[in-house]
Amino acid sequence: MSTHEPLLTVQNLRVAYPQRHGGDMGLREVVRGVSFALGRERLGIVGESGSGKSQTGRAVLGLTAPGGQVTADALRFDGIDLLTCPPAQRRALRGGRIAMVLQDPKFSLNPVMTLGAQITETLRAHQPTVGRSEAKRRMLAALEAVRIDDPARVAGLYPHEVSGGMGQRAMIAMMLIAGPELLIADEPTSALDVTVQLEVLGILDGLVRERGMGLVFISHDLRLVSSFCDRVLVMYAGRVVETLDSGRLHEATHPYTQGLLNCLPQIDTPRYPLPVLDRKPEWLA
């Protein structure tokens, strides 16, 4: 990759699904013209549920649900056109050079396979020449890298036998074992308590810095994203309404971003009544 070329380039990305209007079938856009470029940095995408955050990440990875239509002026990863590359190449990229950590490990891990078997399967799917003993060694090293004590014991457990935080760490280990250059984390801490949240964020931060990966961190928690990421994209109704460096969120000019900031709790200031967003029809334009 050229030192001047972004790792990921997204220009005018649109995702639409069929929807019935009365007796006629039409298309409803859930992502409407999203554009951004990502280097080896931490980019946060924030917005309410239904704003198009997850659909944007899934479109990059090629995981848009059946029936969905994805178009873009440009959707490139390391110079590869993700819209026109052969399906086999796209599959090789997915989980190999591009990985995605989903929101809740209970719905993402296979309930009838041990954690170790699932992590090993991911490695051998993308690196089939790796032998069994080497795959096991790397699987245990991956669990250790996400700060799991006694990785050999945890590798033999099934998903229902571990806590949410442990399951999320195993999911991160699974996504990172093949050495991806881009990691998309879709609300990876929303199901965790605050203490475990901080531990998982610390793991992601260390891995990004040590491996030089690009990270897209999707969340509805503006305060969390602003403290963890380098840049923040604010999405509303499928569009990016504002892009800011995380340290300059207080300079936000769009009323939606200002409204989100105003809704954050302030311990030292009593607030009554609680503020709510005053949505404007022109935000949908």
Protein backbone atom coordinates (compact mmCIF):
# COMPACT_ATOMS: atom_id res chain seq x y z
CA MET A 1 0.00 0.00 0.00
CA SER A 2 1.26 3.48 -0.85
CA THR A 3 2.18 5.58 2.16
CA HIS A 4 -0.22 8.23 0.81
CA GLU A 5 -3.14 5.92 0.04
CA PRO A 6 -5.71 5.29 2.77
CA LEU A 7 -6.16 1.74 3.98
CA LEU A 8 -9.92 2.02 3.32
CA THR A 9 -11.69 4.44 0.99
CA VAL A 10 -15.48 4.81 1.04
CA GLN A 11 -17.15 7.30 -1.32
CA ASN A 12 -20.91 7.79 -1.63
CA LEU A 13 -21.76 4.40 -0.15
CA ARG A 14 -25.45 3.52 -0.38
CA VAL A 15 -27.30 0.49 0.97
CA ALA A 16 -30.96 -0.12 0.09
CA TYR A 17 -33.50 -2.85 0.87
CA PRO A 18 -36.79 -3.73 -0.86
CA GLN A 19 -39.83 -2.37 0.93
CA ARG A 20 -43.49 -2.60 0.09
CA HIS A 21 -45.35 0.70 -0.38
CA GLY A 22 -49.04 -0.14 -0.58
CA GLY A 23 -49.25 -2.66 -3.40
CA ASP A 24 -45.91 -1.73 -4.99
CA MET A 25 -42.37 -2.81 -4.09
CA GLY A 26 -39.75 -0.10 -3.78
CA LEU A 27 -36.31 0.42 -2.27
CA ARG A 28 -35.60 2.11 1.02
CA GLU A 29 -32.09 3.47 1.55
CA VAL A 30 -30.66 2.81 5.01
CA VAL A 31 -27.19 4.17 4.17
CA ARG A 32 -27.31 7.34 2.09
CA GLY A 33 -24.07 8.62 0.60
CA VAL A 34 -21.56 7.82 3.35
CA SER A 35 -17.97 8.85 2.59
CA PHE A 36 -14.76 8.58 4.62
CA ALA A 37 -11.14 7.48 4.37
CA LEU A 38 -9.37 5.40 7.01
CA GLY A 39 -5.66 5.14 7.65
CA ARG A 40 -3.99 3.09 10.38
CA GLU A 41 -6.00 4.87 13.04
CA ARG A 42 -9.06 4.54 15.25
CA LEU A 43 -12.20 5.91 13.58
CA GLY A 44 -15.42 6.06 15.58
CA ILE A 45 -18.87 5.94 13.96
CA VAL A 46 -21.56 7.08 16.36
CA GLY A 47 -25.29 7.60 16.17
CA GLU A 48 -28.61 6.30 17.42
CA SER A 49 -29.96 2.83 16.71
CA GLY A 50 -31.10 2.75 13.07
CA SER A 51 -28.73 5.48 11.91
CA GLY A 52 -26.91 3.11 9.51
CA LYS A 53 -23.72 2.48 11.51
CA SER A 54 -23.79 -1.30 11.43
CA GLN A 55 -25.04 -1.40 7.83
CA THR A 56 -22.02 0.67 6.82
CA GLY A 57 -19.63 -1.76 8.50
CA ARG A 58 -21.38 -4.80 7.04
CA ALA A 59 -21.29 -3.30 3.54
CA VAL A 60 -17.52 -2.85 3.79
CA LEU A 61 -17.13 -6.49 4.82
CA GLY A 62 -19.63 -7.81 2.25
CA LEU A 63 -22.13 -9.00 4.87
CA THR A 64 -25.18 -7.06 3.71
CA ALA A 65 -28.30 -9.20 4.18
CA PRO A 66 -29.79 -10.98 1.13
CA GLY A 67 -31.88 -8.61 -0.94
CA GLY A 68 -29.84 -5.58 0.03
CA GLN A 69 -28.30 -3.50 -2.74
CA VAL A 70 -24.89 -1.88 -2.19
CA THR A 71 -23.55 0.83 -4.49
CA ALA A 72 -20.70 3.30 -4.15
CA ASP A 73 -18.56 5.61 -6.24
CA ALA A 74 -15.58 3.94 -4.54
CA LEU A 75 -15.24 1.14 -1.99
CA ARG A 76 -11.57 0.18 -1.87
CA PHE A 77 -9.38 -1.66 0.63
CA ASP A 78 -5.63 -1.38 0.04
CA GLY A 79 -6.29 -0.60 -3.62
CA ILE A 80 -8.72 -3.54 -4.07
CA ASP A 81 -12.15 -2.63 -5.43
CA LEU A 82 -14.49 -4.42 -3.02
CA LEU A 83 -17.48 -4.03 -5.33
CA THR A 84 -15.95 -5.67 -8.40
CA CYS A 85 -13.38 -8.11 -7.00
CA PRO A 86 -14.21 -11.84 -7.51
CA PRO A 87 -16.31 -13.51 -4.78
CA ALA A 88 -13.42 -15.82 -3.87
CA GLN A 89 -11.12 -12.85 -3.29
CA ARG A 90 -13.80 -11.13 -1.19
CA ARG A 91 -14.19 -14.26 0.95
CA ALA A 92 -10.42 -14.47 1.42
CA LEU A 93 -10.33 -10.84 2.59
CA ARG A 94 -13.24 -11.37 5.00
CA GLY A 95 -11.83 -12.72 8.24
CA GLY A 96 -8.32 -12.63 6.78
CA ARG A 97 -7.21 -9.08 6.08
CA ILE A 98 -10.53 -7.52 7.20
CA ALA A 99 -12.27 -8.75 10.36
CA MET A 100 -15.39 -7.76 12.27
CA VAL A 101 -16.17 -8.14 15.97
CA LEU A 102 -19.92 -8.31 16.44
CA GLN A 103 -21.95 -6.93 19.29
CA ASP A 104 -22.91 -9.95 21.38
CA PRO A 105 -20.83 -13.16 21.54
CA LYS A 106 -23.93 -15.16 22.56
CA PHE A 107 -25.25 -14.77 19.01
CA SER A 108 -21.91 -14.86 17.20
CA LEU A 109 -20.14 -17.90 18.66
CA ASN A 110 -21.10 -21.45 17.68
CA PRO A 111 -22.78 -22.98 20.76
CA VAL A 112 -21.73 -26.57 19.92
CA MET A 113 -17.99 -25.90 19.42
CA THR A 114 -15.40 -25.11 22.06
CA LEU A 115 -13.84 -21.66 21.96
CA GLY A 116 -10.45 -23.10 21.03
CA ALA A 117 -11.89 -25.11 18.15
CA GLN A 118 -13.63 -22.03 16.72
CA ILE A 119 -10.50 -19.89 16.91
CA THR A 120 -8.38 -22.65 15.35
CA GLU A 121 -10.94 -23.14 12.58
CA THR A 122 -10.74 -19.44 11.69
CA LEU A 123 -6.95 -19.58 11.41
CA ARG A 124 -6.87 -22.72 9.27
CA ALA A 125 -9.64 -21.41 7.00
CA HIS A 126 -7.45 -18.46 6.01
CA GLN A 127 -4.04 -20.14 6.38
CA PRO A 128 -4.64 -23.79 5.39
CA THR A 129 -0.95 -24.65 5.36
CA VAL A 130 -0.69 -24.15 9.13
CA GLY A 131 -0.39 -27.53 10.87
CA ARG A 132 -2.49 -28.66 13.83
CA SER A 133 0.19 -28.19 16.47
CA GLU A 134 1.13 -24.73 15.17
CA ALA A 135 -2.55 -23.76 14.96
CA LYS A 136 -3.06 -24.81 18.58
CA ARG A 137 0.01 -22.85 19.69
CA ARG A 138 -1.22 -19.72 17.91
CA MET A 139 -4.74 -20.18 19.27
CA LEU A 140 -3.44 -20.25 22.85
CA ALA A 141 -1.22 -17.23 22.12
CA ALA A 142 -4.26 -15.36 20.74
CA LEU A 143 -6.25 -16.05 23.92
CA GLU A 144 -3.31 -14.91 26.01
CA ALA A 145 -3.03 -11.73 23.92
CA VAL A 146 -6.57 -10.74 24.93
CA ARG A 147 -5.64 -11.18 28.60
CA ILE A 148 -7.32 -14.50 29.27
CA ASP A 149 -5.74 -16.33 32.20
CA ASP A 150 -5.18 -20.07 31.78
CA PRO A 151 -5.90 -20.06 28.02
CA ALA A 152 -5.60 -23.85 27.76
CA ARG A 153 -8.54 -24.29 30.16
CA VAL A 154 -10.66 -21.59 28.51
CA ALA A 155 -9.99 -23.06 25.04
CA GLY A 156 -11.80 -26.22 26.12
CA LEU A 157 -14.94 -24.40 27.27
CA TYR A 158 -18.17 -23.87 25.31
CA PRO A 159 -19.65 -20.37 24.86
CA HIS A 160 -22.37 -20.94 27.48
CA GLU A 161 -19.69 -21.76 30.06
CA VAL A 162 -18.03 -18.33 29.98
CA SER A 163 -19.13 -14.82 30.96
CA GLY A 164 -20.06 -12.12 28.44
CA GLY A 165 -16.70 -10.42 28.90
CA MET A 166 -14.80 -13.69 28.41
CA GLY A 167 -16.87 -14.52 25.33
CA GLN A 168 -16.17 -11.10 23.84
CA ARG A 169 -12.42 -11.55 24.41
CA ALA A 170 -12.58 -14.94 22.70
CA MET A 171 -14.43 -13.32 19.79
CA ILE A 172 -11.70 -10.66 19.51
CA ALA A 173 -9.03 -13.39 19.58
CA MET A 174 -10.87 -15.25 16.81
CA MET A 175 -11.05 -12.15 14.62
CA LEU A 176 -7.39 -11.23 15.17
CA ILE A 177 -5.71 -14.62 14.85
CA ALA A 178 -5.36 -14.36 11.06
CA GLY A 179 -3.58 -10.98 11.41
CA PRO A 180 -6.10 -8.56 9.82
CA GLU A 181 -5.05 -5.08 8.75
CA LEU A 182 -8.53 -3.63 9.29
CA LEU A 183 -10.81 -4.41 12.24
CA ILE A 184 -14.46 -3.33 12.36
CA ALA A 185 -15.80 -3.48 15.93
CA ASP A 186 -19.60 -3.21 16.02
CA GLU A 187 -20.55 -2.12 19.56
CA PRO A 188 -18.17 -4.68 21.11
CA THR A 189 -18.66 -3.38 24.65
CA SER A 190 -22.39 -2.59 24.80
CA ALA A 191 -23.26 -5.90 26.52
CA LEU A 192 -20.47 -5.58 29.11
CA ASP A 193 -20.26 -3.89 32.48
CA VAL A 194 -18.11 -0.77 32.84
CA THR A 195 -15.04 -2.51 34.29
CA VAL A 196 -14.94 -5.14 31.54
CA GLN A 197 -15.63 -2.42 28.94
CA LEU A 198 -12.43 -0.67 29.93
CA GLU A 199 -10.46 -3.92 29.78
CA VAL A 200 -11.75 -4.73 26.27
CA LEU A 201 -11.01 -1.19 25.06
CA GLY A 202 -7.50 -1.50 26.48
CA ILE A 203 -7.03 -4.74 24.55
CA LEU A 204 -8.21 -3.15 21.28
CA ASP A 205 -6.07 -0.07 21.85
CA GLY A 206 -2.95 -2.13 22.49
CA LEU A 207 -3.51 -4.34 19.46
CA VAL A 208 -4.07 -1.35 17.15
CA ARG A 209 -0.87 0.32 18.36
CA GLU A 210 1.24 -2.85 18.33
CA ARG A 211 0.03 -4.21 14.98
CA GLY A 212 -0.59 -0.91 13.19
CA MET A 213 -4.14 -1.87 12.23
CA GLY A 214 -6.94 0.39 11.14
CA LEU A 215 -9.96 0.27 13.45
CA VAL A 216 -13.57 1.26 12.77
CA PHE A 217 -15.30 1.44 16.16
CA ILE A 218 -19.10 1.53 15.88
CA SER A 219 -21.05 2.67 18.93
CA HIS A 220 -24.05 4.63 20.16
CA ASP A 221 -21.98 5.93 23.12
CA LEU A 222 -20.63 9.32 22.09
CA ARG A 223 -18.59 9.80 25.26
CA LEU A 224 -16.93 6.39 24.90
CA VAL A 225 -16.07 6.98 21.24
CA SER A 226 -14.72 10.48 21.90
CA SER A 227 -12.35 9.18 24.59
CA PHE A 228 -11.14 6.14 22.61
CA CYS A 229 -10.99 7.12 18.93
CA ASP A 230 -8.88 9.57 16.92
CA ARG A 231 -11.74 10.80 14.72
CA VAL A 232 -15.52 10.61 15.01
CA LEU A 233 -18.18 10.32 12.28
CA VAL A 234 -21.67 11.25 13.47
CA MET A 235 -24.48 9.52 11.56
CA TYR A 236 -28.16 10.38 11.42
CA ALA A 237 -30.77 8.61 9.25
CA GLY A 238 -28.15 6.93 7.07
CA ARG A 239 -26.01 10.02 6.49
CA VAL A 240 -22.79 11.40 7.96
CA VAL A 241 -23.81 14.79 9.34
CA GLU A 242 -20.47 15.72 10.90
CA THR A 243 -16.85 14.55 11.09
CA LEU A 244 -14.57 15.79 13.86
CA ASP A 245 -11.32 14.99 15.61
CA SER A 246 -12.32 13.40 18.92
CA GLY A 247 -10.65 16.18 20.89
CA ARG A 248 -12.79 18.81 19.11
CA LEU A 249 -16.25 17.38 19.72
CA HIS A 250 -17.08 20.43 21.82
CA GLU A 251 -16.73 22.45 18.58
CA ALA A 252 -19.53 20.49 16.84
CA THR A 253 -21.74 22.70 14.67
CA HIS A 254 -24.51 20.33 13.53
CA PRO A 255 -27.56 20.56 15.82
CA TYR A 256 -27.84 16.76 15.95
CA THR A 257 -24.30 16.37 17.32
CA GLN A 258 -24.92 19.26 19.70
CA GLY A 259 -28.13 17.56 20.83
CA LEU A 260 -26.33 14.27 21.51
CA LEU A 261 -23.68 16.09 23.54
CA ASN A 262 -26.37 17.96 25.47
CA CYS A 263 -28.02 14.66 26.45
CA LEU A 264 -24.88 13.37 28.18
CA PRO A 265 -25.20 13.24 32.00
CA GLN A 266 -23.52 16.03 33.95
CA ILE A 267 -22.86 15.04 37.55
CA ASP A 268 -22.13 18.56 38.81
CA THR A 269 -25.20 20.18 37.20
CA PRO A 270 -28.81 19.26 38.10
CA ARG A 271 -30.91 19.00 34.93
CA TYR A 272 -34.67 19.24 34.93
CA PRO A 273 -36.41 18.54 32.72
CA LEU A 274 -34.04 16.14 30.97
CA PRO A 275 -33.01 17.43 27.52
CA VAL A 276 -34.33 15.68 24.41
CA LEU A 277 -33.39 16.01 20.75
CA ASP A 278 -35.46 18.50 18.79
CA ARG A 279 -35.33 16.78 15.41
CA LYS A 280 -35.70 18.89 12.28
CA PRO A 281 -37.15 17.64 8.98
CA GLU A 282 -34.25 19.22 7.07
CA TRP A 283 -31.81 16.77 8.75
CA LEU A 284 -33.30 14.09 6.49
CA ALA A 285 -32.64 16.05 3.30
